[in-house]
Amino acid sequence: MNKVGLTLLTAVFGGAVALGGYKLIENKKLDGMSFEDKQKVYFANNPTGTG
């Protein structure tokens, strides 16, 4: 049972590091964009928009 707990703890820690890294990179990427540019990116990627 101890190995299962250690494996679970390692998986949770790895997921948290991956998610944190992704959010850090995502925020830096969007910081240089203006509000209008962010809207254009959203609408270009929105598949439910009017066409």
N, C-alpha and C. Protein backbone atom coordinates (compact mmCIF):
# COMPACT_ATOMS: atom_id res chain seq x y z
N MET A 1 0.83 -1.20 0.00
CA MET A 1 0.00 0.00 0.00
C MET A 1 0.87 1.26 0.00
N ASN A 2 2.06 1.17 0.58
CA ASN A 2 2.94 2.32 0.64
C ASN A 2 3.39 2.74 -0.76
N LYS A 3 3.65 1.77 -1.65
CA LYS A 3 4.07 2.09 -3.01
C LYS A 3 2.96 2.79 -3.79
N VAL A 4 1.72 2.40 -3.54
CA VAL A 4 0.59 3.03 -4.23
C VAL A 4 0.47 4.49 -3.80
N GLY A 5 0.61 4.74 -2.52
CA GLY A 5 0.54 6.12 -2.02
C GLY A 5 1.65 6.99 -2.58
N LEU A 6 2.86 6.45 -2.65
CA LEU A 6 3.99 7.19 -3.19
C LEU A 6 3.79 7.46 -4.68
N THR A 7 3.26 6.50 -5.40
CA THR A 7 2.99 6.69 -6.83
C THR A 7 1.92 7.75 -7.03
N LEU A 8 0.88 7.73 -6.24
CA LEU A 8 -0.18 8.73 -6.33
C LEU A 8 0.34 10.13 -6.01
N LEU A 9 1.13 10.23 -4.97
CA LEU A 9 1.72 11.52 -4.58
C LEU A 9 2.63 12.05 -5.69
N THR A 10 3.41 11.19 -6.30
CA THR A 10 4.29 11.59 -7.39
C THR A 10 3.49 12.06 -8.60
N ALA A 11 2.41 11.36 -8.91
CA ALA A 11 1.57 11.74 -10.04
C ALA A 11 0.90 13.09 -9.80
N VAL A 12 0.41 13.33 -8.62
CA VAL A 12 -0.23 14.61 -8.30
C VAL A 12 0.79 15.74 -8.36
N PHE A 13 1.98 15.51 -7.82
CA PHE A 13 3.03 16.52 -7.86
C PHE A 13 3.45 16.82 -9.29
N GLY A 14 3.62 15.81 -10.11
CA GLY A 14 3.99 16.00 -11.51
C GLY A 14 2.92 16.76 -12.27
N GLY A 15 1.66 16.45 -12.02
CA GLY A 15 0.57 17.17 -12.67
C GLY A 15 0.53 18.62 -12.26
N ALA A 16 0.77 18.89 -11.00
CA ALA A 16 0.76 20.27 -10.51
C ALA A 16 1.91 21.07 -11.13
N VAL A 17 3.08 20.46 -11.26
CA VAL A 17 4.22 21.14 -11.88
C VAL A 17 3.92 21.42 -13.35
N ALA A 18 3.35 20.45 -14.05
CA ALA A 18 3.04 20.64 -15.47
C ALA A 18 1.99 21.73 -15.66
N LEU A 19 0.95 21.72 -14.86
CA LEU A 19 -0.09 22.74 -14.96
C LEU A 19 0.44 24.12 -14.60
N GLY A 20 1.24 24.21 -13.58
CA GLY A 20 1.83 25.48 -13.18
C GLY A 20 2.74 26.05 -14.26
N GLY A 21 3.54 25.19 -14.87
CA GLY A 21 4.41 25.63 -15.96
C GLY A 21 3.63 26.11 -17.15
N TYR A 22 2.56 25.41 -17.49
CA TYR A 22 1.72 25.82 -18.61
C TYR A 22 1.09 27.19 -18.36
N LYS A 23 0.56 27.39 -17.16
CA LYS A 23 -0.07 28.67 -16.84
C LYS A 23 0.95 29.81 -16.83
N LEU A 24 2.16 29.53 -16.39
CA LEU A 24 3.20 30.54 -16.37
C LEU A 24 3.55 30.96 -17.80
N ILE A 25 3.70 30.02 -18.68
CA ILE A 25 4.02 30.32 -20.08
C ILE A 25 2.84 31.00 -20.76
N GLU A 26 1.62 30.55 -20.49
CA GLU A 26 0.43 31.14 -21.10
C GLU A 26 0.29 32.61 -20.71
N ASN A 27 0.49 32.93 -19.46
CA ASN A 27 0.36 34.31 -18.99
C ASN A 27 1.40 35.21 -19.63
N LYS A 28 2.63 34.74 -19.77
CA LYS A 28 3.68 35.55 -20.38
C LYS A 28 3.39 35.79 -21.85
N LYS A 29 2.82 34.82 -22.51
CA LYS A 29 2.53 34.93 -23.93
C LYS A 29 1.43 35.97 -24.18
N LEU A 30 0.44 36.03 -23.33
CA LEU A 30 -0.69 36.92 -23.53
C LEU A 30 -0.46 38.33 -22.96
N ASP A 31 0.56 38.51 -22.12
CA ASP A 31 0.79 39.82 -21.51
C ASP A 31 1.17 40.88 -22.54
N GLY A 32 1.83 40.51 -23.61
CA GLY A 32 2.27 41.47 -24.61
C GLY A 32 1.19 41.84 -25.60
N MET A 33 0.01 41.24 -25.49
CA MET A 33 -1.06 41.49 -26.45
C MET A 33 -2.04 42.53 -25.91
N SER A 34 -2.58 43.34 -26.81
CA SER A 34 -3.59 44.30 -26.40
C SER A 34 -4.93 43.58 -26.23
N PHE A 35 -5.87 44.28 -25.65
CA PHE A 35 -7.20 43.69 -25.42
C PHE A 35 -7.86 43.30 -26.75
N GLU A 36 -7.71 44.14 -27.76
CA GLU A 36 -8.30 43.86 -29.06
C GLU A 36 -7.69 42.63 -29.70
N ASP A 37 -6.37 42.49 -29.57
CA ASP A 37 -5.69 41.32 -30.13
C ASP A 37 -6.15 40.04 -29.44
N LYS A 38 -6.36 40.12 -28.12
CA LYS A 38 -6.84 38.94 -27.39
C LYS A 38 -8.24 38.55 -27.86
N GLN A 39 -9.08 39.54 -28.15
CA GLN A 39 -10.42 39.24 -28.65
C GLN A 39 -10.34 38.58 -30.03
N LYS A 40 -9.47 39.06 -30.89
CA LYS A 40 -9.33 38.49 -32.22
C LYS A 40 -8.90 37.03 -32.13
N VAL A 41 -7.98 36.73 -31.23
CA VAL A 41 -7.52 35.35 -31.06
C VAL A 41 -8.67 34.49 -30.57
N TYR A 42 -9.47 34.98 -29.63
CA TYR A 42 -10.59 34.21 -29.11
C TYR A 42 -11.61 33.93 -30.20
N PHE A 43 -11.98 34.95 -30.96
CA PHE A 43 -13.00 34.76 -31.98
C PHE A 43 -12.50 33.91 -33.14
N ALA A 44 -11.22 33.95 -33.43
CA ALA A 44 -10.67 33.12 -34.50
C ALA A 44 -10.70 31.65 -34.10
N ASN A 45 -10.63 31.36 -32.81
CA ASN A 45 -10.59 29.99 -32.33
C ASN A 45 -11.94 29.50 -31.82
N ASN A 46 -12.97 30.33 -31.88
CA ASN A 46 -14.28 29.97 -31.36
C ASN A 46 -15.09 29.27 -32.45
N PRO A 47 -15.29 27.96 -32.35
CA PRO A 47 -16.00 27.25 -33.41
C PRO A 47 -17.50 27.51 -33.44
N THR A 48 -18.07 28.11 -32.40
CA THR A 48 -19.51 28.34 -32.35
C THR A 48 -19.88 29.74 -32.80
N GLY A 49 -18.90 30.50 -33.28
CA GLY A 49 -19.16 31.87 -33.72
C GLY A 49 -19.99 31.89 -34.99
N THR A 50 -20.52 33.06 -35.29
CA THR A 50 -21.32 33.19 -36.50
C THR A 50 -20.42 33.16 -37.71
N GLY A 51 -20.85 32.53 -38.75
CA GLY A 51 -19.96 32.36 -39.89
C GLY A 51 -20.55 32.82 -41.09
